[in-house]
Amino acid sequence: MRTEKIATGVVHDVPEDLRKELATDPAALSTWNGLTPLARNEWICWVISVKKPETRKEHVRRTRTELKEGMRRPCCWIGCIHRQDKPISPSIRGILDKRHAASDKA
């Protein structure tokens, strides 16, 4: 049985749970491998940046589904904040500052 390589992102490697999900679906895997490294990085970061295990499972499942629907990046995602090849944009910095302020109040 031939197994297709699963391409990775710019900053993040593909986590095992996402790797397994993609490997079960040739159409999703083909779309995944056709994305740019930056786009794959956004999906990976979207999956790994959640707090709850059940949310992560949902993001892994949605990644497969949404790739098959033609989505190239996760919807409504501010983008990977882990990249160090460019500064965080002022708009993203504002979002992160608001989140940080809200978590300080909690």
PDB file of N, CA and C in Angstrom:
ATOM      1  N   MET A   1       0.839  -1.183   0.000  1.00  0.00           N
ATOM      2  CA  MET A   1       0.000   0.000   0.000  1.00  0.00           C
ATOM      3  C   MET A   1       0.882   1.244   0.000  1.00  0.00           C
ATOM      4  N   ARG A   2       0.635   2.158  -0.933  1.00  0.00           N
ATOM      5  CA  ARG A   2       1.399   3.386  -1.052  1.00  0.00           C
ATOM      6  C   ARG A   2       0.814   4.433  -0.116  1.00  0.00           C
ATOM      7  N   THR A   3       1.649   5.086   0.677  1.00  0.00           N
ATOM      8  CA  THR A   3       1.170   6.155   1.542  1.00  0.00           C
ATOM      9  C   THR A   3       1.763   7.469   1.055  1.00  0.00           C
ATOM     10  N   GLU A   4       0.907   8.462   0.910  1.00  0.00           N
ATOM     11  CA  GLU A   4       1.329   9.764   0.444  1.00  0.00           C
ATOM     12  C   GLU A   4       1.937  10.554   1.597  1.00  0.00           C
ATOM     13  N   LYS A   5       3.008  11.271   1.300  1.00  0.00           N
ATOM     14  CA  LYS A   5       3.658  12.112   2.297  1.00  0.00           C
ATOM     15  C   LYS A   5       2.703  13.232   2.713  1.00  0.00           C
ATOM     16  N   ILE A   6       2.755  13.601   3.972  1.00  0.00           N
ATOM     17  CA  ILE A   6       1.928  14.687   4.485  1.00  0.00           C
ATOM     18  C   ILE A   6       2.836  15.896   4.684  1.00  0.00           C
ATOM     19  N   ALA A   7       2.609  16.935   3.875  1.00  0.00           N
ATOM     20  CA  ALA A   7       3.435  18.133   3.922  1.00  0.00           C
ATOM     21  C   ALA A   7       3.211  18.881   5.235  1.00  0.00           C
ATOM     22  N   THR A   8       4.209  19.639   5.646  1.00  0.00           N
ATOM     23  CA  THR A   8       4.158  20.339   6.920  1.00  0.00           C
ATOM     24  C   THR A   8       3.979  21.836   6.716  1.00  0.00           C
ATOM     25  N   GLY A   9       4.003  22.595   7.803  1.00  0.00           N
ATOM     26  CA  GLY A   9       3.854  24.039   7.749  1.00  0.00           C
ATOM     27  C   GLY A   9       5.196  24.742   7.814  1.00  0.00           C
ATOM     28  N   VAL A  10       5.158  26.054   7.992  1.00  0.00           N
ATOM     29  CA  VAL A  10       6.371  26.865   8.065  1.00  0.00           C
ATOM     30  C   VAL A  10       6.986  26.784   9.458  1.00  0.00           C
ATOM     31  N   VAL A  11       6.181  26.955  10.469  1.00  0.00           N
ATOM     32  CA  VAL A  11       6.652  26.955  11.851  1.00  0.00           C
ATOM     33  C   VAL A  11       6.319  25.638  12.545  1.00  0.00           C
ATOM     34  N   HIS A  12       5.145  25.107  12.253  1.00  0.00           N
ATOM     35  CA  HIS A  12       4.639  23.943  12.958  1.00  0.00           C
ATOM     36  C   HIS A  12       4.755  22.665  12.132  1.00  0.00           C
ATOM     37  N   ASP A  13       5.045  21.568  12.818  1.00  0.00           N
ATOM     38  CA  ASP A  13       4.940  20.241  12.215  1.00  0.00           C
ATOM     39  C   ASP A  13       3.491  19.783  12.360  1.00  0.00           C
ATOM     40  N   VAL A  14       3.097  18.850  11.529  1.00  0.00           N
ATOM     41  CA  VAL A  14       1.732  18.331  11.593  1.00  0.00           C
ATOM     42  C   VAL A  14       1.614  17.434  12.826  1.00  0.00           C
ATOM     43  N   PRO A  15       0.706  17.769  13.755  1.00  0.00           N
ATOM     44  CA  PRO A  15       0.554  16.923  14.940  1.00  0.00           C
ATOM     45  C   PRO A  15      -0.038  15.570  14.565  1.00  0.00           C
ATOM     46  N   GLU A  16       0.210  14.595  15.396  1.00  0.00           N
ATOM     47  CA  GLU A  16      -0.176  13.213  15.104  1.00  0.00           C
ATOM     48  C   GLU A  16      -1.680  13.058  14.869  1.00  0.00           C
ATOM     49  N   ASP A  17      -2.510  13.722  15.674  1.00  0.00           N
ATOM     50  CA  ASP A  17      -3.950  13.571  15.496  1.00  0.00           C
ATOM     51  C   ASP A  17      -4.413  14.120  14.148  1.00  0.00           C
ATOM     52  N   LEU A  18      -3.861  15.233  13.713  1.00  0.00           N
ATOM     53  CA  LEU A  18      -4.205  15.791  12.406  1.00  0.00           C
ATOM     54  C   LEU A  18      -3.632  14.923  11.285  1.00  0.00           C
ATOM     55  N   ARG A  19      -2.431  14.416  11.489  1.00  0.00           N
ATOM     56  CA  ARG A  19      -1.790  13.532  10.508  1.00  0.00           C
ATOM     57  C   ARG A  19      -2.662  12.294  10.260  1.00  0.00           C
ATOM     58  N   LYS A  20      -3.157  11.689  11.332  1.00  0.00           N
ATOM     59  CA  LYS A  20      -4.013  10.497  11.208  1.00  0.00           C
ATOM     60  C   LYS A  20      -5.304  10.820  10.474  1.00  0.00           C
ATOM     61  N   GLU A  21      -5.908  11.967  10.793  1.00  0.00           N
ATOM     62  CA  GLU A  21      -7.167  12.369  10.154  1.00  0.00           C
ATOM     63  C   GLU A  21      -6.962  12.579   8.654  1.00  0.00           C
ATOM     64  N   LEU A  22      -5.904  13.255   8.281  1.00  0.00           N
ATOM     65  CA  LEU A  22      -5.621  13.501   6.864  1.00  0.00           C
ATOM     66  C   LEU A  22      -5.317  12.196   6.129  1.00  0.00           C
ATOM     67  N   ALA A  23      -4.623  11.290   6.793  1.00  0.00           N
ATOM     68  CA  ALA A  23      -4.247  10.024   6.164  1.00  0.00           C
ATOM     69  C   ALA A  23      -5.455   9.146   5.846  1.00  0.00           C
ATOM     70  N   THR A  24      -6.573   9.379   6.527  1.00  0.00           N
ATOM     71  CA  THR A  24      -7.769   8.558   6.295  1.00  0.00           C
ATOM     72  C   THR A  24      -8.604   9.053   5.122  1.00  0.00           C
ATOM     73  N   ASP A  25      -8.241  10.204   4.555  1.00  0.00           N
ATOM     74  CA  ASP A  25      -9.065  10.805   3.516  1.00  0.00           C
ATOM     75  C   ASP A  25      -8.195  11.296   2.354  1.00  0.00           C
ATOM     76  N   PRO A  26      -8.098  10.531   1.271  1.00  0.00           N
ATOM     77  CA  PRO A  26      -7.236  10.916   0.150  1.00  0.00           C
ATOM     78  C   PRO A  26      -7.574  12.285  -0.450  1.00  0.00           C
ATOM     79  N   ALA A  27      -8.851  12.640  -0.505  1.00  0.00           N
ATOM     80  CA  ALA A  27      -9.230  13.934  -1.083  1.00  0.00           C
ATOM     81  C   ALA A  27      -8.739  15.086  -0.203  1.00  0.00           C
ATOM     82  N   ALA A  28      -8.930  14.967   1.101  1.00  0.00           N
ATOM     83  CA  ALA A  28      -8.463  16.004   2.023  1.00  0.00           C
ATOM     84  C   ALA A  28      -6.941  16.087   2.003  1.00  0.00           C
ATOM     85  N   LEU A  29      -6.282  14.940   1.958  1.00  0.00           N
ATOM     86  CA  LEU A  29      -4.821  14.919   1.931  1.00  0.00           C
ATOM     87  C   LEU A  29      -4.283  15.558   0.652  1.00  0.00           C
ATOM     88  N   SER A  30      -4.912  15.292  -0.444  1.00  0.00           N
ATOM     89  CA  SER A  30      -4.480  15.892  -1.706  1.00  0.00           C
ATOM     90  C   SER A  30      -4.600  17.413  -1.656  1.00  0.00           C
ATOM     91  N   THR A  31      -5.718  17.896  -1.121  1.00  0.00           N
ATOM     92  CA  THR A  31      -5.896  19.343  -0.976  1.00  0.00           C
ATOM     93  C   THR A  31      -4.861  19.911  -0.018  1.00  0.00           C
ATOM     94  N   TRP A  32      -4.650  19.230   1.100  1.00  0.00           N
ATOM     95  CA  TRP A  32      -3.651  19.651   2.099  1.00  0.00           C
ATOM     96  C   TRP A  32      -2.284  19.814   1.451  1.00  0.00           C
ATOM     97  N   ASN A  33      -1.860  18.805   0.731  1.00  0.00           N
ATOM     98  CA  ASN A  33      -0.531  18.847   0.120  1.00  0.00           C
ATOM     99  C   ASN A  33      -0.437  19.891  -0.988  1.00  0.00           C
ATOM    100  N   GLY A  34      -1.584  20.335  -1.515  1.00  0.00           N
ATOM    101  CA  GLY A  34      -1.601  21.371  -2.535  1.00  0.00           C
ATOM    102  C   GLY A  34      -1.590  22.784  -1.981  1.00  0.00           C
ATOM    103  N   LEU A  35      -1.759  22.917  -0.662  1.00  0.00           N
ATOM    104  CA  LEU A  35      -1.727  24.233  -0.027  1.00  0.00           C
ATOM    105  C   LEU A  35      -0.294  24.748   0.060  1.00  0.00           C
ATOM    106  N   THR A  36      -0.160  26.047   0.237  1.00  0.00           N
ATOM    107  CA  THR A  36       1.165  26.618   0.485  1.00  0.00           C
ATOM    108  C   THR A  36       1.598  26.236   1.900  1.00  0.00           C
ATOM    109  N   PRO A  37       2.897  26.236   2.180  1.00  0.00           N
ATOM    110  CA  PRO A  37       3.348  25.973   3.547  1.00  0.00           C
ATOM    111  C   PRO A  37       2.735  26.942   4.565  1.00  0.00           C
ATOM    112  N   LEU A  38       2.538  28.208   4.172  1.00  0.00           N
ATOM    113  CA  LEU A  38       1.924  29.169   5.097  1.00  0.00           C
ATOM    114  C   LEU A  38       0.481  28.815   5.395  1.00  0.00           C
ATOM    115  N   ALA A  39      -0.265  28.375   4.391  1.00  0.00           N
ATOM    116  CA  ALA A  39      -1.660  27.983   4.608  1.00  0.00           C
ATOM    117  C   ALA A  39      -1.731  26.750   5.506  1.00  0.00           C
ATOM    118  N   ARG A  40      -0.875  25.756   5.258  1.00  0.00           N
ATOM    119  CA  ARG A  40      -0.850  24.572   6.135  1.00  0.00           C
ATOM    120  C   ARG A  40      -0.512  24.976   7.561  1.00  0.00           C
ATOM    121  N   ASN A  41       0.410  25.914   7.704  1.00  0.00           N
ATOM    122  CA  ASN A  41       0.796  26.395   9.024  1.00  0.00           C
ATOM    123  C   ASN A  41      -0.399  27.003   9.764  1.00  0.00           C
ATOM    124  N   GLU A  42      -1.247  27.735   9.035  1.00  0.00           N
ATOM    125  CA  GLU A  42      -2.433  28.337   9.663  1.00  0.00           C
ATOM    126  C   GLU A  42      -3.370  27.257  10.194  1.00  0.00           C
ATOM    127  N   TRP A  43      -3.596  26.209   9.393  1.00  0.00           N
ATOM    128  CA  TRP A  43      -4.460  25.105   9.849  1.00  0.00           C
ATOM    129  C   TRP A  43      -3.867  24.434  11.087  1.00  0.00           C
ATOM    130  N   ILE A  44      -2.567  24.160  11.047  1.00  0.00           N
ATOM    131  CA  ILE A  44      -1.933  23.483  12.188  1.00  0.00           C
ATOM    132  C   ILE A  44      -2.047  24.338  13.439  1.00  0.00           C
ATOM    133  N   CYS A  45      -1.739  25.625  13.313  1.00  0.00           N
ATOM    134  CA  CYS A  45      -1.800  26.518  14.472  1.00  0.00           C
ATOM    135  C   CYS A  45      -3.228  26.599  15.012  1.00  0.00           C
ATOM    136  N   TRP A  46      -4.203  26.628  14.103  1.00  0.00           N
ATOM    137  CA  TRP A  46      -5.612  26.671  14.503  1.00  0.00           C
ATOM    138  C   TRP A  46      -5.976  25.424  15.318  1.00  0.00           C
ATOM    139  N   VAL A  47      -5.437  24.284  14.929  1.00  0.00           N
ATOM    140  CA  VAL A  47      -5.715  23.026  15.644  1.00  0.00           C
ATOM    141  C   VAL A  47      -5.043  23.004  17.011  1.00  0.00           C
ATOM    142  N   ILE A  48      -3.803  23.424  17.090  1.00  0.00           N
ATOM    143  CA  ILE A  48      -3.040  23.253  18.333  1.00  0.00           C
ATOM    144  C   ILE A  48      -3.235  24.379  19.342  1.00  0.00           C
ATOM    145  N   SER A  49      -3.868  25.483  18.937  1.00  0.00           N
ATOM    146  CA  SER A  49      -3.975  26.646  19.822  1.00  0.00           C
ATOM    147  C   SER A  49      -5.224  26.673  20.694  1.00  0.00           C
ATOM    148  N   VAL A  50      -5.960  25.596  20.734  1.00  0.00           N
ATOM    149  CA  VAL A  50      -7.167  25.550  21.571  1.00  0.00           C
ATOM    150  C   VAL A  50      -6.832  25.019  22.958  1.00  0.00           C
ATOM    151  N   LYS A  51      -7.721  25.255  23.897  1.00  0.00           N
ATOM    152  CA  LYS A  51      -7.471  24.852  25.285  1.00  0.00           C
ATOM    153  C   LYS A  51      -8.046  23.480  25.629  1.00  0.00           C
ATOM    154  N   LYS A  52      -9.225  23.181  25.108  1.00  0.00           N
ATOM    155  CA  LYS A  52      -9.920  21.958  25.508  1.00  0.00           C
ATOM    156  C   LYS A  52      -9.682  20.826  24.506  1.00  0.00           C
ATOM    157  N   PRO A  53      -9.489  19.604  25.002  1.00  0.00           N
ATOM    158  CA  PRO A  53      -9.295  18.457  24.106  1.00  0.00           C
ATOM    159  C   PRO A  53     -10.466  18.249  23.147  1.00  0.00           C
ATOM    160  N   GLU A  54     -11.693  18.486  23.610  1.00  0.00           N
ATOM    161  CA  GLU A  54     -12.844  18.276  22.731  1.00  0.00           C
ATOM    162  C   GLU A  54     -12.883  19.323  21.608  1.00  0.00           C
ATOM    163  N   THR A  55     -12.408  20.531  21.888  1.00  0.00           N
ATOM    164  CA  THR A  55     -12.334  21.559  20.846  1.00  0.00           C
ATOM    165  C   THR A  55     -11.264  21.180  19.830  1.00  0.00           C
ATOM    166  N   ARG A  56     -10.161  20.657  20.302  1.00  0.00           N
ATOM    167  CA  ARG A  56      -9.103  20.230  19.387  1.00  0.00           C
ATOM    168  C   ARG A  56      -9.597  19.122  18.465  1.00  0.00           C
ATOM    169  N   LYS A  57     -10.315  18.143  19.016  1.00  0.00           N
ATOM    170  CA  LYS A  57     -10.869  17.067  18.184  1.00  0.00           C
ATOM    171  C   LYS A  57     -11.782  17.635  17.107  1.00  0.00           C
ATOM    172  N   GLU A  58     -12.589  18.615  17.485  1.00  0.00           N
ATOM    173  CA  GLU A  58     -13.489  19.257  16.534  1.00  0.00           C
ATOM    174  C   GLU A  58     -12.704  20.000  15.444  1.00  0.00           C
ATOM    175  N   HIS A  59     -11.637  20.676  15.824  1.00  0.00           N
ATOM    176  CA  HIS A  59     -10.819  21.381  14.839  1.00  0.00           C
ATOM    177  C   HIS A  59     -10.132  20.406  13.882  1.00  0.00           C
ATOM    178  N   VAL A  60      -9.671  19.293  14.391  1.00  0.00           N
ATOM    179  CA  VAL A  60      -9.051  18.279  13.525  1.00  0.00           C
ATOM    180  C   VAL A  60     -10.082  17.766  12.521  1.00  0.00           C
ATOM    181  N   ARG A  61     -11.267  17.446  13.002  1.00  0.00           N
ATOM    182  CA  ARG A  61     -12.321  16.955  12.114  1.00  0.00           C
ATOM    183  C   ARG A  61     -12.709  18.016  11.092  1.00  0.00           C
ATOM    184  N   ARG A  62     -12.881  19.247  11.563  1.00  0.00           N
ATOM    185  CA  ARG A  62     -13.266  20.335  10.658  1.00  0.00           C
ATOM    186  C   ARG A  62     -12.192  20.625   9.621  1.00  0.00           C
ATOM    187  N   THR A  63     -10.929  20.461   9.982  1.00  0.00           N
ATOM    188  CA  THR A  63      -9.861  20.680   9.002  1.00  0.00           C
ATOM    189  C   THR A  63     -10.073  19.758   7.810  1.00  0.00           C
ATOM    190  N   ARG A  64     -10.278  18.488   8.077  1.00  0.00           N
ATOM    191  CA  ARG A  64     -10.507  17.521   6.993  1.00  0.00           C
ATOM    192  C   ARG A  64     -11.734  17.902   6.174  1.00  0.00           C
ATOM    193  N   THR A  65     -12.830  18.184   6.842  1.00  0.00           N
ATOM    194  CA  THR A  65     -14.083  18.514   6.166  1.00  0.00           C
ATOM    195  C   THR A  65     -13.952  19.790   5.340  1.00  0.00           C
ATOM    196  N   GLU A  66     -13.385  20.815   5.923  1.00  0.00           N
ATOM    197  CA  GLU A  66     -13.307  22.105   5.240  1.00  0.00           C
ATOM    198  C   GLU A  66     -12.309  22.087   4.085  1.00  0.00           C
ATOM    199  N   LEU A  67     -11.263  21.310   4.198  1.00  0.00           N
ATOM    200  CA  LEU A  67     -10.357  21.142   3.053  1.00  0.00           C
ATOM    201  C   LEU A  67     -11.106  20.534   1.875  1.00  0.00           C
ATOM    202  N   LYS A  68     -11.929  19.537   2.157  1.00  0.00           N
ATOM    203  CA  LYS A  68     -12.710  18.890   1.094  1.00  0.00           C
ATOM    204  C   LYS A  68     -13.753  19.838   0.497  1.00  0.00           C
ATOM    205  N   GLU A  69     -14.176  20.826   1.281  1.00  0.00           N
ATOM    206  CA  GLU A  69     -15.132  21.821   0.789  1.00  0.00           C
ATOM    207  C   GLU A  69     -14.450  22.949   0.016  1.00  0.00           C
ATOM    208  N   GLY A  70     -13.118  22.898  -0.047  1.00  0.00           N
ATOM    209  CA  GLY A  70     -12.386  23.893  -0.823  1.00  0.00           C
ATOM    210  C   GLY A  70     -11.796  25.043  -0.030  1.00  0.00           C
ATOM    211  N   MET A  71     -11.946  25.018   1.290  1.00  0.00           N
ATOM    212  CA  MET A  71     -11.372  26.102   2.091  1.00  0.00           C
ATOM    213  C   MET A  71      -9.856  25.984   2.100  1.00  0.00           C
ATOM    214  N   ARG A  72      -9.188  27.096   1.962  1.00  0.00           N
ATOM    215  CA  ARG A  72      -7.730  27.118   1.910  1.00  0.00           C
ATOM    216  C   ARG A  72      -7.104  27.516   3.253  1.00  0.00           C
ATOM    217  N   ARG A  73      -7.891  28.168   4.098  1.00  0.00           N
ATOM    218  CA  ARG A  73      -7.421  28.594   5.421  1.00  0.00           C
ATOM    219  C   ARG A  73      -8.590  28.497   6.404  1.00  0.00           C
ATOM    220  N   PRO A  74      -8.304  28.377   7.696  1.00  0.00           N
ATOM    221  CA  PRO A  74      -9.399  28.321   8.664  1.00  0.00           C
ATOM    222  C   PRO A  74     -10.144  29.657   8.717  1.00  0.00           C
ATOM    223  N   CYS A  75     -11.443  29.576   8.764  1.00  0.00           N
ATOM    224  CA  CYS A  75     -12.291  30.766   8.802  1.00  0.00           C
ATOM    225  C   CYS A  75     -12.156  31.489  10.143  1.00  0.00           C
ATOM    226  N   CYS A  76     -12.112  32.792  10.075  1.00  0.00           N
ATOM    227  CA  CYS A  76     -12.148  33.648  11.272  1.00  0.00           C
ATOM    228  C   CYS A  76     -10.964  33.409  12.213  1.00  0.00           C
ATOM    229  N   TRP A  77      -9.839  33.020  11.673  1.00  0.00           N
ATOM    230  CA  TRP A  77      -8.645  32.761  12.465  1.00  0.00           C
ATOM    231  C   TRP A  77      -7.714  33.947  12.321  1.00  0.00           C
ATOM    232  N   ILE A  78      -7.175  34.464  13.424  1.00  0.00           N
ATOM    233  CA  ILE A  78      -6.330  35.659  13.366  1.00  0.00           C
ATOM    234  C   ILE A  78      -4.973  35.368  12.738  1.00  0.00           C
ATOM    235  N   GLY A  79      -4.622  34.131  12.628  1.00  0.00           N
ATOM    236  CA  GLY A  79      -3.335  33.765  12.043  1.00  0.00           C
ATOM    237  C   GLY A  79      -2.356  33.285  13.097  1.00  0.00           C
ATOM    238  N   CYS A  80      -1.326  32.636  12.632  1.00  0.00           N
ATOM    239  CA  CYS A  80      -0.314  32.064  13.520  1.00  0.00           C
ATOM    240  C   CYS A  80       0.513  33.168  14.161  1.00  0.00           C
ATOM    241  N   ILE A  81       0.539  33.176  15.470  1.00  0.00           N
ATOM    242  CA  ILE A  81       1.337  34.168  16.193  1.00  0.00           C
ATOM    243  C   ILE A  81       2.732  33.632  16.525  1.00  0.00           C
ATOM    244  N   HIS A  82       3.039  32.438  16.068  1.00  0.00           N
ATOM    245  CA  HIS A  82       4.315  31.812  16.385  1.00  0.00           C
ATOM    246  C   HIS A  82       5.404  32.092  15.357  1.00  0.00           C
ATOM    247  N   ARG A  83       5.018  32.648  14.225  1.00  0.00           N
ATOM    248  CA  ARG A  83       6.005  32.953  13.190  1.00  0.00           C
ATOM    249  C   ARG A  83       6.937  34.051  13.666  1.00  0.00           C
ATOM    250  N   GLN A  84       8.223  33.890  13.396  1.00  0.00           N
ATOM    251  CA  GLN A  84       9.185  34.899  13.804  1.00  0.00           C
ATOM    252  C   GLN A  84       9.871  35.554  12.609  1.00  0.00           C
ATOM    253  N   ASP A  85       9.400  35.234  11.394  1.00  0.00           N
ATOM    254  CA  ASP A  85      10.009  35.815  10.200  1.00  0.00           C
ATOM    255  C   ASP A  85       9.417  37.175   9.852  1.00  0.00           C
ATOM    256  N   LYS A  86       8.389  37.592  10.598  1.00  0.00           N
ATOM    257  CA  LYS A  86       7.786  38.909  10.383  1.00  0.00           C
ATOM    258  C   LYS A  86       7.126  39.356  11.676  1.00  0.00           C
ATOM    259  N   PRO A  87       7.013  40.664  11.879  1.00  0.00           N
ATOM    260  CA  PRO A  87       6.353  41.132  13.104  1.00  0.00           C
ATOM    261  C   PRO A  87       4.849  40.907  13.027  1.00  0.00           C
ATOM    262  N   ILE A  88       4.226  40.822  14.193  1.00  0.00           N
ATOM    263  CA  ILE A  88       2.767  40.698  14.273  1.00  0.00           C
ATOM    264  C   ILE A  88       2.172  42.033  13.844  1.00  0.00           C
ATOM    265  N   SER A  89       1.156  41.982  13.019  1.00  0.00           N
ATOM    266  CA  SER A  89       0.542  43.216  12.514  1.00  0.00           C
ATOM    267  C   SER A  89      -0.139  43.972  13.651  1.00  0.00           C
ATOM    268  N   PRO A  90      -0.306  45.293  13.488  1.00  0.00           N
ATOM    269  CA  PRO A  90      -0.979  46.074  14.533  1.00  0.00           C
ATOM    270  C   PRO A  90      -2.392  45.575  14.839  1.00  0.00           C
ATOM    271  N   SER A  91      -3.130  45.133  13.825  1.00  0.00           N
ATOM    272  CA  SER A  91      -4.493  44.661  14.080  1.00  0.00           C
ATOM    273  C   SER A  91      -4.488  43.385  14.914  1.00  0.00           C
ATOM    274  N   ILE A  92      -3.579  42.475  14.629  1.00  0.00           N
ATOM    275  CA  ILE A  92      -3.472  41.235  15.415  1.00  0.00           C
ATOM    276  C   ILE A  92      -2.962  41.558  16.813  1.00  0.00           C
ATOM    277  N   ARG A  93      -2.016  42.473  16.923  1.00  0.00           N
ATOM    278  CA  ARG A  93      -1.500  42.871  18.238  1.00  0.00           C
ATOM    279  C   ARG A  93      -2.651  43.398  19.095  1.00  0.00           C
ATOM    280  N   GLY A  94      -3.558  44.183  18.507  1.00  0.00           N
ATOM    281  CA  GLY A  94      -4.720  44.699  19.238  1.00  0.00           C
ATOM    282  C   GLY A  94      -5.619  43.584  19.750  1.00  0.00           C
ATOM    283  N   ILE A  95      -5.856  42.576  18.914  1.00  0.00           N
ATOM    284  CA  ILE A  95      -6.674  41.427  19.322  1.00  0.00           C
ATOM    285  C   ILE A  95      -6.008  40.692  20.480  1.00  0.00           C
ATOM    286  N   LEU A  96      -4.713  40.443  20.351  1.00  0.00           N
ATOM    287  CA  LEU A  96      -3.991  39.730  21.403  1.00  0.00           C
ATOM    288  C   LEU A  96      -3.965  40.526  22.706  1.00  0.00           C
ATOM    289  N   ASP A  97      -3.806  41.846  22.613  1.00  0.00           N
ATOM    290  CA  ASP A  97      -3.812  42.682  23.817  1.00  0.00           C
ATOM    291  C   ASP A  97      -5.170  42.633  24.514  1.00  0.00           C
ATOM    292  N   LYS A  98      -6.259  42.649  23.733  1.00  0.00           N
ATOM    293  CA  LYS A  98      -7.604  42.559  24.320  1.00  0.00           C
ATOM    294  C   LYS A  98      -7.802  41.214  25.011  1.00  0.00           C
ATOM    295  N   ARG A  99      -7.328  40.147  24.384  1.00  0.00           N
ATOM    296  CA  ARG A  99      -7.440  38.815  24.998  1.00  0.00           C
ATOM    297  C   ARG A  99      -6.658  38.758  26.304  1.00  0.00           C
ATOM    298  N   HIS A 100      -5.455  39.316  26.277  1.00  0.00           N
ATOM    299  CA  HIS A 100      -4.608  39.299  27.456  1.00  0.00           C
ATOM    300  C   HIS A 100      -5.265  40.097  28.599  1.00  0.00           C
ATOM    301  N   ALA A 101      -5.814  41.263  28.268  1.00  0.00           N
ATOM    302  CA  ALA A 101      -6.491  42.080  29.274  1.00  0.00           C
ATOM    303  C   ALA A 101      -7.692  41.344  29.859  1.00  0.00           C
ATOM    304  N   ALA A 102      -8.455  40.668  29.013  1.00  0.00           N
ATOM    305  CA  ALA A 102      -9.624  39.925  29.488  1.00  0.00           C
ATOM    306  C   ALA A 102      -9.216  38.777  30.400  1.00  0.00           C
ATOM    307  N   SER A 103      -8.117  38.096  30.068  1.00  0.00           N
ATOM    308  CA  SER A 103      -7.679  36.967  30.896  1.00  0.00           C
ATOM    309  C   SER A 103      -7.112  37.467  32.226  1.00  0.00           C
ATOM    310  N   ASP A 104      -6.562  38.675  32.246  1.00  0.00           N
ATOM    311  CA  ASP A 104      -6.057  39.247  33.510  1.00  0.00           C
ATOM    312  C   ASP A 104      -7.204  39.569  34.461  1.00  0.00           C
ATOM    313  N   LYS A 105      -8.373  39.924  33.904  1.00  0.00           N
ATOM    314  CA  LYS A 105      -9.544  40.256  34.720  1.00  0.00           C
ATOM    315  C   LYS A 105     -10.208  39.017  35.306  1.00  0.00           C
ATOM    316  N   ALA A 106     -10.019  37.891  34.649  1.00  0.00           N
ATOM    317  CA  ALA A 106     -10.691  36.651  35.078  1.00  0.00           C
ATOM    318  C   ALA A 106     -10.083  36.064  36.309  1.00  0.00           C
TER     319      ALA A 106
END
